[in-house]
PDB file of N, CA and C in Angstrom:
ATOM      1  N   MET A   1       0.770  -8.837   8.107  1.00  0.00           N
ATOM      2  CA  MET A   1       2.247  -8.596   7.554  1.00  0.00           C
ATOM      3  C   MET A   1       2.181  -7.235   7.207  1.00  0.00           C
ATOM      4  N   ASN A   2       3.402  -6.567   6.917  1.00  0.00           N
ATOM      5  CA  ASN A   2       3.652  -5.375   5.995  1.00  0.00           C
ATOM      6  C   ASN A   2       3.905  -5.740   4.553  1.00  0.00           C
ATOM      7  N   ILE A   3       2.881  -4.921   3.543  1.00  0.00           N
ATOM      8  CA  ILE A   3       2.976  -4.899   2.412  1.00  0.00           C
ATOM      9  C   ILE A   3       3.591  -3.412   1.584  1.00  0.00           C
ATOM     10  N   PHE A   4       4.555  -3.383   0.911  1.00  0.00           N
ATOM     11  CA  PHE A   4       5.023  -2.372   0.158  1.00  0.00           C
ATOM     12  C   PHE A   4       4.050  -2.298  -0.901  1.00  0.00           C
ATOM     13  N   VAL A   5       3.603  -0.532  -0.972  1.00  0.00           N
ATOM     14  CA  VAL A   5       2.571  -0.528  -2.260  1.00  0.00           C
ATOM     15  C   VAL A   5       3.396   0.734  -2.973  1.00  0.00           C
ATOM     16  N   SER A   6       3.491   0.671  -4.324  1.00  0.00           N
ATOM     17  CA  SER A   6       4.225   1.770  -5.149  1.00  0.00           C
ATOM     18  C   SER A   6       3.786   2.561  -6.543  1.00  0.00           C
ATOM     19  N   ASN A   7       3.519   3.088  -7.016  1.00  0.00           N
ATOM     20  CA  ASN A   7       3.138   3.448  -8.227  1.00  0.00           C
ATOM     21  C   ASN A   7       1.694   4.156  -7.741  1.00  0.00           C
ATOM     22  N   ILE A   8       1.676   4.801  -6.439  1.00  0.00           N
ATOM     23  CA  ILE A   8       0.566   5.194  -6.303  1.00  0.00           C
ATOM     24  C   ILE A   8      -0.048   6.545  -6.364  1.00  0.00           C
ATOM     25  N   SER A   9      -0.960   7.001  -7.086  1.00  0.00           N
ATOM     26  CA  SER A   9      -1.467   8.683  -7.546  1.00  0.00           C
ATOM     27  C   SER A   9      -1.329   9.549  -6.391  1.00  0.00           C
ATOM     28  N   PHE A  10      -0.379  10.248  -6.778  1.00  0.00           N
ATOM     29  CA  PHE A  10      -0.470  11.172  -5.899  1.00  0.00           C
ATOM     30  C   PHE A  10      -1.428  11.998  -5.697  1.00  0.00           C
ATOM     31  N   ARG A  11      -2.563  11.868  -5.805  1.00  0.00           N
ATOM     32  CA  ARG A  11      -4.028  12.458  -5.323  1.00  0.00           C
ATOM     33  C   ARG A  11      -4.640  11.221  -4.600  1.00  0.00           C
ATOM     34  N   ALA A  12      -4.504  10.379  -4.808  1.00  0.00           N
ATOM     35  CA  ALA A  12      -5.042   9.351  -3.663  1.00  0.00           C
ATOM     36  C   ALA A  12      -5.316   9.765  -2.074  1.00  0.00           C
ATOM     37  N   ARG A  13      -5.914   8.925  -1.407  1.00  0.00           N
ATOM     38  CA  ARG A  13      -5.998   9.438  -0.232  1.00  0.00           C
ATOM     39  C   ARG A  13      -5.494   7.985   0.402  1.00  0.00           C
ATOM     40  N   GLU A  14      -5.570   7.863   1.660  1.00  0.00           N
ATOM     41  CA  GLU A  14      -5.091   6.326   2.606  1.00  0.00           C
ATOM     42  C   GLU A  14      -6.309   5.989   2.946  1.00  0.00           C
ATOM     43  N   GLU A  15      -7.682   6.913   2.804  1.00  0.00           N
ATOM     44  CA  GLU A  15      -9.171   5.559   3.157  1.00  0.00           C
ATOM     45  C   GLU A  15      -9.370   5.218   1.705  1.00  0.00           C
ATOM     46  N   GLU A  16      -9.054   5.962   0.822  1.00  0.00           N
ATOM     47  CA  GLU A  16      -9.230   5.008  -0.393  1.00  0.00           C
ATOM     48  C   GLU A  16      -8.208   3.867  -0.641  1.00  0.00           C
ATOM     49  N   LEU A  17      -7.203   3.773  -0.326  1.00  0.00           N
ATOM     50  CA  LEU A  17      -5.929   2.708  -0.364  1.00  0.00           C
ATOM     51  C   LEU A  17      -6.718   1.785   0.895  1.00  0.00           C
ATOM     52  N   GLN A  18      -6.809   2.419   2.132  1.00  0.00           N
ATOM     53  CA  GLN A  18      -7.845   1.698   2.678  1.00  0.00           C
ATOM     54  C   GLN A  18      -8.720   0.859   2.481  1.00  0.00           C
ATOM     55  N   GLN A  19      -9.684   1.135   1.951  1.00  0.00           N
ATOM     56  CA  GLN A  19     -10.814   0.672   1.282  1.00  0.00           C
ATOM     57  C   GLN A  19     -10.298  -0.467   0.099  1.00  0.00           C
ATOM     58  N   LEU A  20      -9.512  -0.481  -0.816  1.00  0.00           N
ATOM     59  CA  LEU A  20      -8.999  -0.864  -1.932  1.00  0.00           C
ATOM     60  C   LEU A  20      -8.203  -2.711  -0.739  1.00  0.00           C
ATOM     61  N   PHE A  21      -7.739  -2.490   0.050  1.00  0.00           N
ATOM     62  CA  PHE A  21      -7.453  -3.366   0.489  1.00  0.00           C
ATOM     63  C   PHE A  21      -8.532  -4.092   1.433  1.00  0.00           C
ATOM     64  N   ALA A  22      -8.820  -3.381   1.972  1.00  0.00           N
ATOM     65  CA  ALA A  22     -10.170  -3.824   3.039  1.00  0.00           C
ATOM     66  C   ALA A  22     -11.086  -5.339   1.827  1.00  0.00           C
ATOM     67  N   GLN A  23     -11.046  -4.899   1.061  1.00  0.00           N
ATOM     68  CA  GLN A  23     -11.639  -6.283   0.098  1.00  0.00           C
ATOM     69  C   GLN A  23     -11.180  -7.722  -0.190  1.00  0.00           C
ATOM     70  N   TYR A  24      -9.548  -7.800   0.986  1.00  0.00           N
ATOM     71  CA  TYR A  24      -9.487  -9.221   0.792  1.00  0.00           C
ATOM     72  C   TYR A  24      -8.628  -9.030   2.498  1.00  0.00           C
ATOM     73  N   GLY A  25      -9.254  -8.474   3.151  1.00  0.00           N
ATOM     74  CA  GLY A  25      -9.068  -8.988   4.568  1.00  0.00           C
ATOM     75  C   GLY A  25      -9.522  -7.580   5.913  1.00  0.00           C
ATOM     76  N   GLU A  26      -8.691  -7.332   6.600  1.00  0.00           N
ATOM     77  CA  GLU A  26      -8.793  -6.801   7.802  1.00  0.00           C
ATOM     78  C   GLU A  26      -7.424  -5.723   7.508  1.00  0.00           C
ATOM     79  N   VAL A  27      -7.252  -4.465   7.436  1.00  0.00           N
ATOM     80  CA  VAL A  27      -6.318  -3.844   7.453  1.00  0.00           C
ATOM     81  C   VAL A  27      -6.014  -3.361   8.591  1.00  0.00           C
ATOM     82  N   VAL A  28      -4.998  -3.101   9.344  1.00  0.00           N
ATOM     83  CA  VAL A  28      -4.555  -2.901  10.515  1.00  0.00           C
ATOM     84  C   VAL A  28      -4.126  -1.061  10.456  1.00  0.00           C
ATOM     85  N   SER A  29      -3.250  -0.976   9.466  1.00  0.00           N
ATOM     86  CA  SER A  29      -2.683   0.364   9.328  1.00  0.00           C
ATOM     87  C   SER A  29      -2.296   0.415   7.564  1.00  0.00           C
ATOM     88  N   ILE A  30      -2.496   1.993   7.444  1.00  0.00           N
ATOM     89  CA  ILE A  30      -2.479   2.327   6.219  1.00  0.00           C
ATOM     90  C   ILE A  30      -1.143   3.971   6.286  1.00  0.00           C
ATOM     91  N   LYS A  31      -0.264   3.911   5.336  1.00  0.00           N
ATOM     92  CA  LYS A  31       0.831   4.951   5.329  1.00  0.00           C
ATOM     93  C   LYS A  31       0.710   5.174   4.035  1.00  0.00           C
ATOM     94  N   ILE A  32       0.778   6.465   3.400  1.00  0.00           N
ATOM     95  CA  ILE A  32       1.211   6.931   2.400  1.00  0.00           C
ATOM     96  C   ILE A  32       2.131   7.890   3.056  1.00  0.00           C
ATOM     97  N   LEU A  33       3.133   7.997   2.335  1.00  0.00           N
ATOM     98  CA  LEU A  33       4.643   8.983   2.649  1.00  0.00           C
ATOM     99  C   LEU A  33       4.552  10.149   1.854  1.00  0.00           C
ATOM    100  N   LYS A  34       5.045  11.044   2.416  1.00  0.00           N
ATOM    101  CA  LYS A  34       4.736  12.377   1.931  1.00  0.00           C
ATOM    102  C   LYS A  34       5.976  12.775   2.424  1.00  0.00           C
ATOM    103  N   ASP A  35       6.925  13.768   0.876  1.00  0.00           N
ATOM    104  CA  ASP A  35       7.531  14.684   1.190  1.00  0.00           C
ATOM    105  C   ASP A  35       7.532  15.819   2.362  1.00  0.00           C
ATOM    106  N   ARG A  36       8.902  15.954   3.265  1.00  0.00           N
ATOM    107  CA  ARG A  36       8.147  16.714   4.414  1.00  0.00           C
ATOM    108  C   ARG A  36       8.998  18.232   4.002  1.00  0.00           C
ATOM    109  N   GLU A  37       9.036  18.701   2.733  1.00  0.00           N
ATOM    110  CA  GLU A  37       8.516  20.135   2.879  1.00  0.00           C
ATOM    111  C   GLU A  37       7.878  20.311   1.991  1.00  0.00           C
ATOM    112  N   THR A  38       7.122  19.743   1.175  1.00  0.00           N
ATOM    113  CA  THR A  38       5.910  20.201   0.400  1.00  0.00           C
ATOM    114  C   THR A  38       4.957  19.303   0.385  1.00  0.00           C
ATOM    115  N   ASN A  39       4.956  18.356   1.600  1.00  0.00           N
ATOM    116  CA  ASN A  39       3.572  17.604   1.883  1.00  0.00           C
ATOM    117  C   ASN A  39       3.108  16.958   0.970  1.00  0.00           C
ATOM    118  N   ARG A  40       3.385  16.690   0.104  1.00  0.00           N
ATOM    119  CA  ARG A  40       3.003  15.844  -1.353  1.00  0.00           C
ATOM    120  C   ARG A  40       3.468  14.641  -0.872  1.00  0.00           C
ATOM    121  N   SER A  41       2.230  13.637  -1.548  1.00  0.00           N
ATOM    122  CA  SER A  41       2.888  12.306  -1.335  1.00  0.00           C
ATOM    123  C   SER A  41       3.968  12.049  -2.691  1.00  0.00           C
ATOM    124  N   ARG A  42       4.678  10.426  -2.063  1.00  0.00           N
ATOM    125  CA  ARG A  42       6.093  10.357  -2.639  1.00  0.00           C
ATOM    126  C   ARG A  42       5.174   9.152  -3.749  1.00  0.00           C
ATOM    127  N   GLY A  43       4.248   9.032  -3.334  1.00  0.00           N
ATOM    128  CA  GLY A  43       3.560   8.123  -4.375  1.00  0.00           C
ATOM    129  C   GLY A  43       4.044   6.506  -4.137  1.00  0.00           C
ATOM    130  N   PHE A  44       4.494   6.460  -2.372  1.00  0.00           N
ATOM    131  CA  PHE A  44       4.165   4.952  -2.203  1.00  0.00           C
ATOM    132  C   PHE A  44       3.993   5.062  -0.645  1.00  0.00           C
ATOM    133  N   GLY A  45       3.824   3.965  -0.780  1.00  0.00           N
ATOM    134  CA  GLY A  45       3.241   3.442   1.525  1.00  0.00           C
ATOM    135  C   GLY A  45       3.457   2.186   1.633  1.00  0.00           C
ATOM    136  N   PHE A  46       2.912   2.120   2.553  1.00  0.00           N
ATOM    137  CA  PHE A  46       2.816   0.512   3.014  1.00  0.00           C
ATOM    138  C   PHE A  46       1.370   0.472   3.656  1.00  0.00           C
ATOM    139  N   VAL A  47       0.968  -1.284   3.665  1.00  0.00           N
ATOM    140  CA  VAL A  47      -0.456  -1.653   4.285  1.00  0.00           C
ATOM    141  C   VAL A  47      -0.025  -2.398   4.906  1.00  0.00           C
ATOM    142  N   GLU A  48      -0.395  -2.443   6.289  1.00  0.00           N
ATOM    143  CA  GLU A  48      -0.384  -3.541   7.293  1.00  0.00           C
ATOM    144  C   GLU A  48      -1.718  -4.307   7.840  1.00  0.00           C
ATOM    145  N   MET A  49      -1.671  -5.979   7.406  1.00  0.00           N
ATOM    146  CA  MET A  49      -2.496  -6.428   7.252  1.00  0.00           C
ATOM    147  C   MET A  49      -2.628  -7.793   8.347  1.00  0.00           C
ATOM    148  N   SER A  50      -4.067  -7.751   9.192  1.00  0.00           N
ATOM    149  CA  SER A  50      -3.540  -8.759  10.164  1.00  0.00           C
ATOM    150  C   SER A  50      -3.056 -10.146   9.873  1.00  0.00           C
ATOM    151  N   ASP A  51      -4.258 -10.988   8.889  1.00  0.00           N
ATOM    152  CA  ASP A  51      -3.647 -12.107   8.247  1.00  0.00           C
ATOM    153  C   ASP A  51      -2.893 -12.568   7.272  1.00  0.00           C
ATOM    154  N   ASP A  52      -2.000 -13.178   7.424  1.00  0.00           N
ATOM    155  CA  ASP A  52      -0.845 -12.997   6.076  1.00  0.00           C
ATOM    156  C   ASP A  52      -1.397 -14.123   5.202  1.00  0.00           C
ATOM    157  N   ALA A  53      -2.415 -15.058   4.905  1.00  0.00           N
ATOM    158  CA  ALA A  53      -3.373 -15.392   3.764  1.00  0.00           C
ATOM    159  C   ALA A  53      -3.831 -14.352   3.192  1.00  0.00           C
ATOM    160  N   ALA A  54      -4.144 -13.226   3.576  1.00  0.00           N
ATOM    161  CA  ALA A  54      -5.404 -12.353   3.005  1.00  0.00           C
ATOM    162  C   ALA A  54      -4.520 -11.398   2.657  1.00  0.00           C
ATOM    163  N   ALA A  55      -3.009 -11.287   3.078  1.00  0.00           N
ATOM    164  CA  ALA A  55      -2.408 -10.044   3.220  1.00  0.00           C
ATOM    165  C   ALA A  55      -1.739 -11.222   1.292  1.00  0.00           C
ATOM    166  N   GLN A  56      -1.317 -12.154   1.722  1.00  0.00           N
ATOM    167  CA  GLN A  56      -1.077 -12.436   0.785  1.00  0.00           C
ATOM    168  C   GLN A  56      -1.656 -12.919  -1.008  1.00  0.00           C
ATOM    169  N   ASN A  57      -3.428 -12.626  -0.594  1.00  0.00           N
ATOM    170  CA  ASN A  57      -4.404 -12.830  -1.793  1.00  0.00           C
ATOM    171  C   ASN A  57      -4.128 -11.329  -2.211  1.00  0.00           C
ATOM    172  N   ALA A  58      -4.153 -10.526  -1.490  1.00  0.00           N
ATOM    173  CA  ALA A  58      -3.738  -8.638  -2.020  1.00  0.00           C
ATOM    174  C   ALA A  58      -2.932  -8.507  -2.810  1.00  0.00           C
ATOM    175  N   ILE A  59      -1.698  -9.415  -2.320  1.00  0.00           N
ATOM    176  CA  ILE A  59      -0.449  -9.031  -3.223  1.00  0.00           C
ATOM    177  C   ILE A  59      -0.354  -9.285  -4.383  1.00  0.00           C
ATOM    178  N   ALA A  60      -1.493 -10.551  -4.379  1.00  0.00           N
ATOM    179  CA  ALA A  60      -1.503 -11.583  -5.627  1.00  0.00           C
ATOM    180  C   ALA A  60      -2.242 -10.555  -6.295  1.00  0.00           C
ATOM    181  N   SER A  61      -3.331 -10.503  -5.720  1.00  0.00           N
ATOM    182  CA  SER A  61      -4.465  -9.534  -6.712  1.00  0.00           C
ATOM    183  C   SER A  61      -4.265  -8.353  -7.229  1.00  0.00           C
ATOM    184  N   LEU A  62      -3.612  -7.609  -6.526  1.00  0.00           N
ATOM    185  CA  LEU A  62      -3.578  -6.104  -6.649  1.00  0.00           C
ATOM    186  C   LEU A  62      -1.926  -5.355  -7.567  1.00  0.00           C
ATOM    187  N   ASN A  63      -1.358  -6.511  -7.302  1.00  0.00           N
ATOM    188  CA  ASN A  63       0.060  -6.290  -7.808  1.00  0.00           C
ATOM    189  C   ASN A  63      -0.290  -6.041  -9.632  1.00  0.00           C
ATOM    190  N   GLY A  64      -0.160  -4.797 -10.180  1.00  0.00           N
ATOM    191  CA  GLY A  64      -0.511  -4.615 -11.385  1.00  0.00           C
ATOM    192  C   GLY A  64      -1.618  -3.879 -11.555  1.00  0.00           C
ATOM    193  N   ALA A  65      -2.255  -4.039 -10.758  1.00  0.00           N
ATOM    194  CA  ALA A  65      -3.947  -3.535 -10.870  1.00  0.00           C
ATOM    195  C   ALA A  65      -3.410  -2.164 -10.942  1.00  0.00           C
ATOM    196  N   ASP A  66      -4.836  -1.652 -11.738  1.00  0.00           N
ATOM    197  CA  ASP A  66      -5.499  -0.196 -11.796  1.00  0.00           C
ATOM    198  C   ASP A  66      -5.812   0.355 -10.683  1.00  0.00           C
ATOM    199  N   PHE A  67      -5.140   1.275 -10.090  1.00  0.00           N
ATOM    200  CA  PHE A  67      -5.813   2.597  -9.323  1.00  0.00           C
ATOM    201  C   PHE A  67      -5.888   3.591  -9.715  1.00  0.00           C
ATOM    202  N   GLN A  68      -6.785   4.207  -9.536  1.00  0.00           N
ATOM    203  CA  GLN A  68      -6.832   5.763 -10.304  1.00  0.00           C
ATOM    204  C   GLN A  68      -6.043   6.092 -11.098  1.00  0.00           C
ATOM    205  N   GLY A  69      -6.000   5.153 -12.188  1.00  0.00           N
ATOM    206  CA  GLY A  69      -4.640   5.218 -13.608  1.00  0.00           C
ATOM    207  C   GLY A  69      -3.660   5.063 -13.330  1.00  0.00           C
ATOM    208  N   ARG A  70      -3.090   4.774 -12.190  1.00  0.00           N
ATOM    209  CA  ARG A  70      -1.695   4.424 -12.319  1.00  0.00           C
ATOM    210  C   ARG A  70      -2.139   2.337 -11.824  1.00  0.00           C
ATOM    211  N   ASN A  71      -0.922   1.735 -13.065  1.00  0.00           N
ATOM    212  CA  ASN A  71      -1.264   0.452 -11.900  1.00  0.00           C
ATOM    213  C   ASN A  71       0.356   0.292 -10.817  1.00  0.00           C
ATOM    214  N   LEU A  72      -0.692  -0.222  -9.748  1.00  0.00           N
ATOM    215  CA  LEU A  72      -0.102  -0.734  -8.400  1.00  0.00           C
ATOM    216  C   LEU A  72       0.996  -1.326  -8.356  1.00  0.00           C
ATOM    217  N   VAL A  73       2.916  -1.324  -8.050  1.00  0.00           N
ATOM    218  CA  VAL A  73       3.588  -2.288  -7.425  1.00  0.00           C
ATOM    219  C   VAL A  73       3.514  -2.796  -5.966  1.00  0.00           C
ATOM    220  N   VAL A  74       2.771  -4.031  -5.884  1.00  0.00           N
ATOM    221  CA  VAL A  74       2.495  -4.234  -4.541  1.00  0.00           C
ATOM    222  C   VAL A  74       3.048  -5.778  -3.965  1.00  0.00           C
ATOM    223  N   LYS A  75       4.559  -5.755  -2.879  1.00  0.00           N
ATOM    224  CA  LYS A  75       4.916  -6.826  -2.559  1.00  0.00           C
ATOM    225  C   LYS A  75       4.755  -6.934  -1.283  1.00  0.00           C
ATOM    226  N   GLU A  76       5.336  -7.646  -0.884  1.00  0.00           N
ATOM    227  CA  GLU A  76       5.379  -8.053   1.028  1.00  0.00           C
ATOM    228  C   GLU A  76       6.940  -7.058   1.038  1.00  0.00           C
ATOM    229  N   ALA A  77       6.516  -6.200   2.394  1.00  0.00           N
ATOM    230  CA  ALA A  77       7.504  -5.381   2.856  1.00  0.00           C
ATOM    231  C   ALA A  77       8.971  -5.495   3.163  1.00  0.00           C
ATOM    232  N   LEU A  78      10.155  -5.558   2.768  1.00  0.00           N
ATOM    233  CA  LEU A  78      11.128  -5.683   3.635  1.00  0.00           C
ATOM    234  C   LEU A  78      11.465  -5.081   5.023  1.00  0.00           C
ATOM    235  N   PRO A  79      12.259  -6.269   5.845  1.00  0.00           N
ATOM    236  CA  PRO A  79      12.682  -5.473   6.782  1.00  0.00           C
ATOM    237  C   PRO A  79      13.426  -4.309   7.186  1.00  0.00           C
ATOM    238  N   PRO A  80      13.372  -3.364   7.758  1.00  0.00           N
ATOM    239  CA  PRO A  80      14.282  -2.363   7.584  1.00  0.00           C
ATOM    240  C   PRO A  80      16.272  -3.009   7.848  1.00  0.00           C
ATOM    241  N   LYS A  81      16.519  -1.985   7.377  1.00  0.00           N
ATOM    242  CA  LYS A  81      17.862  -2.715   7.079  1.00  0.00           C
ATOM    243  C   LYS A  81      18.861  -2.492   8.497  1.00  0.00           C
ATOM    244  N   GLN A  82      19.634  -2.973   9.159  1.00  0.00           N
ATOM    245  CA  GLN A  82      20.213  -2.661  10.366  1.00  0.00           C
ATOM    246  C   GLN A  82      21.468  -2.246  10.171  1.00  0.00           C
ATOM    247  N   SER A  83      22.098  -1.134  10.835  1.00  0.00           N
ATOM    248  CA  SER A  83      23.429  -0.410  10.279  1.00  0.00           C
ATOM    249  C   SER A  83      24.033  -0.851  11.359  1.00  0.00           C
TER     250      SER A  83
END
């Protein structure tokens, strides 16, 4: 399952987000999006987990949780829009 995570601290690293989500199950991939021009974090990203039940547990547990001084917004990612 692909999970959308926002309100991520600008100084957070992908490895730290990986450790946070790994408490709930196997993390397949982590991607914090960055601005193309400044290479600075845009404050949101995606976490992919292999097990849907573990992903749902992570969403329920981490939505609103404090991570590096900010309350995360964690929800199931919507599929990309078809044009």
